[in-house]
C-alpha atoms as a PDB file:
ATOM      1  CA  ALA A   1      91.413 106.316  87.873  1.00  0.00           C
ATOM      2  CA  ARG A   2      91.749 107.976  91.328  1.00  0.00           C
ATOM      3  CA  THR A   3      93.248 104.854  93.094  1.00  0.00           C
ATOM      4  CA  PHE A   4      96.585 105.833  91.552  1.00  0.00           C
ATOM      5  CA  GLN A   5      96.255 109.884  92.044  1.00  0.00           C
ATOM      6  CA  HIS A   6      98.398 110.841  95.152  1.00  0.00           C
ATOM      7  CA  ASP A   7      97.677 113.948  97.333  1.00  0.00           C
ATOM      8  CA  PRO A   8     100.788 116.691  96.058  1.00  0.00           C
ATOM      9  CA  ARG A   9     101.571 117.449  99.134  1.00  0.00           C
ATOM     10  CA  VAL A  10     102.445 113.472  99.846  1.00  0.00           C
ATOM     11  CA  SER A  11     104.060 113.700  96.202  1.00  0.00           C
ATOM     12  CA  CYS A  12     106.160 116.626  97.058  1.00  0.00           C
ATOM     13  CA  ARG A  13     107.420 115.448 100.367  1.00  0.00           C
ATOM     14  CA  SER A  14     108.013 111.994  99.489  1.00  0.00           C
ATOM     15  CA  TYR A  15     110.685 113.454  96.376  1.00  0.00           C
ATOM     16  CA  ASP A  16     111.641 115.613  99.078  1.00  0.00           C
ATOM     17  CA  THR A  17     112.433 112.640 101.312  1.00  0.00           C
ATOM     18  CA  PHE A  18     114.599 111.367  98.352  1.00  0.00           C
ATOM     19  CA  THR A  19     116.303 114.521  97.503  1.00  0.00           C
ATOM     20  CA  HIS A  20     117.856 115.048 100.584  1.00  0.00           C
ATOM     21  CA  TRP A  21     118.671 111.519 100.752  1.00  0.00           C
ATOM     22  CA  LEU A  22     120.176 111.098  97.387  1.00  0.00           C
ATOM     23  CA  LEU A  23     122.313 114.716  98.070  1.00  0.00           C
ATOM     24  CA  GLY A  24     123.796 112.716 101.563  1.00  0.00           C
ATOM     25  CA  ASP A  25     121.885 114.360 103.908  1.00  0.00           C
ATOM     26  CA  GLU A  26     120.325 111.308 106.084  1.00  0.00           C
ATOM     27  CA  ARG A  27     119.495 113.247 109.222  1.00  0.00           C
ATOM     28  CA  ILE A  28     116.877 115.287 107.149  1.00  0.00           C
ATOM     29  CA  ALA A  29     115.634 112.959 105.044  1.00  0.00           C
ATOM     30  CA  ARG A  30     115.299 110.832 107.856  1.00  0.00           C
ATOM     31  CA  THR A  31     113.319 113.993 109.515  1.00  0.00           C
ATOM     32  CA  ARG A  32     111.517 114.101 106.510  1.00  0.00           C
ATOM     33  CA  ARG A  33     110.785 110.300 106.073  1.00  0.00           C
ATOM     34  CA  ARG A  34     108.972 110.344 109.611  1.00  0.00           C
ATOM     35  CA  ALA A  35     107.042 113.311 108.758  1.00  0.00           C
ATOM     36  CA  LEU A  36     105.898 111.668 106.009  1.00  0.00           C
ATOM     37  CA  LEU A  37     104.907 108.771 107.748  1.00  0.00           C
ATOM     38  CA  ARG A  38     102.633 110.952 110.338  1.00  0.00           C
ATOM     39  CA  ARG A  39     101.442 112.720 107.357  1.00  0.00           C
ATOM     40  CA  THR A  40      99.752 109.729 105.740  1.00  0.00           C
ATOM     41  CA  GLU A  41      98.863 107.497 109.029  1.00  0.00           C
ATOM     42  CA  GLU A  42      95.301 108.271 109.335  1.00  0.00           C
ATOM     43  CA  GLY A  43      92.916 110.438 106.517  1.00  0.00           C
ATOM     44  CA  SER A  44      94.763 109.921 103.439  1.00  0.00           C
ATOM     45  CA  ARG A  45      93.827 107.536 100.757  1.00  0.00           C
ATOM     46  CA  PRO A  46      95.888 104.271 100.797  1.00  0.00           C
ATOM     47  CA  SER A  47      97.751 104.760  97.646  1.00  0.00           C
ATOM     48  CA  ASP A  48      98.893 107.769  99.321  1.00  0.00           C
ATOM     49  CA  ARG A  49      99.785 105.647 103.108  1.00  0.00           C
ATOM     50  CA  SER A  50     101.538 103.301 100.462  1.00  0.00           C
ATOM     51  CA  PHE A  51     103.447 105.760  98.835  1.00  0.00           C
ATOM     52  CA  GLY A  52     105.251 107.115 102.199  1.00  0.00           C
ATOM     53  CA  LEU A  53     105.621 103.447 103.217  1.00  0.00           C
ATOM     54  CA  TYR A  54     107.845 102.917  99.849  1.00  0.00           C
ATOM     55  CA  VAL A  55     109.437 106.163 100.493  1.00  0.00           C
ATOM     56  CA  ASP A  56     110.797 104.641 104.277  1.00  0.00           C
ATOM     57  CA  ALA A  57     111.308 101.554 102.843  1.00  0.00           C
ATOM     58  CA  VAL A  58     113.242 103.035 100.195  1.00  0.00           C
ATOM     59  CA  VAL A  59     115.240 105.065 102.102  1.00  0.00           C
ATOM     60  CA  ALA A  60     115.255 102.630 104.976  1.00  0.00           C
ATOM     61  CA  ALA A  61     116.885  99.950 102.491  1.00  0.00           C
ATOM     62  CA  GLY A  62     119.659 102.621 101.162  1.00  0.00           C
ATOM     63  CA  GLU A  63     120.741 103.154 105.049  1.00  0.00           C
ATOM     64  CA  GLY A  64     120.974  99.191 105.542  1.00  0.00           C
ATOM     65  CA  ASP A  65     117.903  98.981 107.874  1.00  0.00           C
ATOM     66  CA  VAL A  66     116.739  95.754 106.983  1.00  0.00           C
ATOM     67  CA  SER A  67     114.340  95.820 110.000  1.00  0.00           C
ATOM     68  CA  THR A  68     112.471  99.420 108.513  1.00  0.00           C
ATOM     69  CA  ALA A  69     112.137  98.148 105.286  1.00  0.00           C
ATOM     70  CA  GLY A  70     110.744  94.707 105.795  1.00  0.00           C
ATOM     71  CA  SER A  71     108.119  95.985 108.013  1.00  0.00           C
ATOM     72  CA  SER A  72     107.166  98.825 105.883  1.00  0.00           C
ATOM     73  CA  GLY A  73     107.264  96.926 103.184  1.00  0.00           C
ATOM     74  CA  GLY A  74     105.445  94.408 105.074  1.00  0.00           C
ATOM     75  CA  GLU A  75     102.576  97.200 106.088  1.00  0.00           C
ATOM     76  CA  GLY A  76     102.736  98.094 102.106  1.00  0.00           C
ATOM     77  CA  VAL A  77     101.694  94.693 100.570  1.00  0.00           C
ATOM     78  CA  ARG A  78      99.383  94.235 103.303  1.00  0.00           C
ATOM     79  CA  LEU A  79      97.233  97.482 102.246  1.00  0.00           C
ATOM     80  CA  GLY A  80      98.471  97.429  98.411  1.00  0.00           C
ATOM     81  CA  GLY A  81      96.159  93.330  98.857  1.00  0.00           C
ATOM     82  CA  GLU A  82      93.387  95.051 100.700  1.00  0.00           C
ATOM     83  CA  HIS A  83      92.486  98.232  98.474  1.00  0.00           C
ATOM     84  CA  GLY A  84      93.186  96.697  95.078  1.00  0.00           C
ATOM     85  CA  LEU A  85      96.816  98.538  94.669  1.00  0.00           C
ATOM     86  CA  ARG A  86      98.806  96.130  92.678  1.00  0.00           C
ATOM     87  CA  TYR A  87     101.706  98.219  91.608  1.00  0.00           C
ATOM     88  CA  TRP A  88     102.098  99.706  95.680  1.00  0.00           C
ATOM     89  CA  LYS A  89     101.867  95.718  96.503  1.00  0.00           C
ATOM     90  CA  ALA A  90     104.491  94.440  94.339  1.00  0.00           C
ATOM     91  CA  MET A  91     106.770  97.627  94.580  1.00  0.00           C
ATOM     92  CA  LEU A  92     106.303  97.058  98.726  1.00  0.00           C
ATOM     93  CA  GLY A  93     106.595  93.018  98.274  1.00  0.00           C
ATOM     94  CA  LEU A  94     110.382  93.825  96.835  1.00  0.00           C
ATOM     95  CA  LEU A  95     111.112  96.075 100.092  1.00  0.00           C
ATOM     96  CA  GLU A  96     109.387  93.517 102.100  1.00  0.00           C
ATOM     97  CA  GLY A  97     111.660  90.345 100.867  1.00  0.00           C
ATOM     98  CA  TRP A  98     114.882  92.204 100.657  1.00  0.00           C
ATOM     99  CA  GLY A  99     114.003  92.850 105.056  1.00  0.00           C
ATOM    100  CA  LEU A 100     113.560  89.092 105.799  1.00  0.00           C
ATOM    101  CA  THR A 101     116.996  88.092 104.524  1.00  0.00           C
END
């Protein structure tokens, strides 16, 4: 069960990023997205890193940034496969595939 729990700091930052992006504040969303990736880069649980990569890939896709969506999706698929995170592997696989088009 702990495999899918998230650090509340990661969850809050993820939804904060989505909120700013949905409100049309792309500059702040981009800044928050980068901060989220830095926070989950080292020392975080694989599920937290996967969540951060998902947020990065979704927002990148929404902005038309095919390269970032594909690379974050690909990193998430690899991470999900290594740690048995089937949900994140599937969700990020969609974004990786979108980035390949």
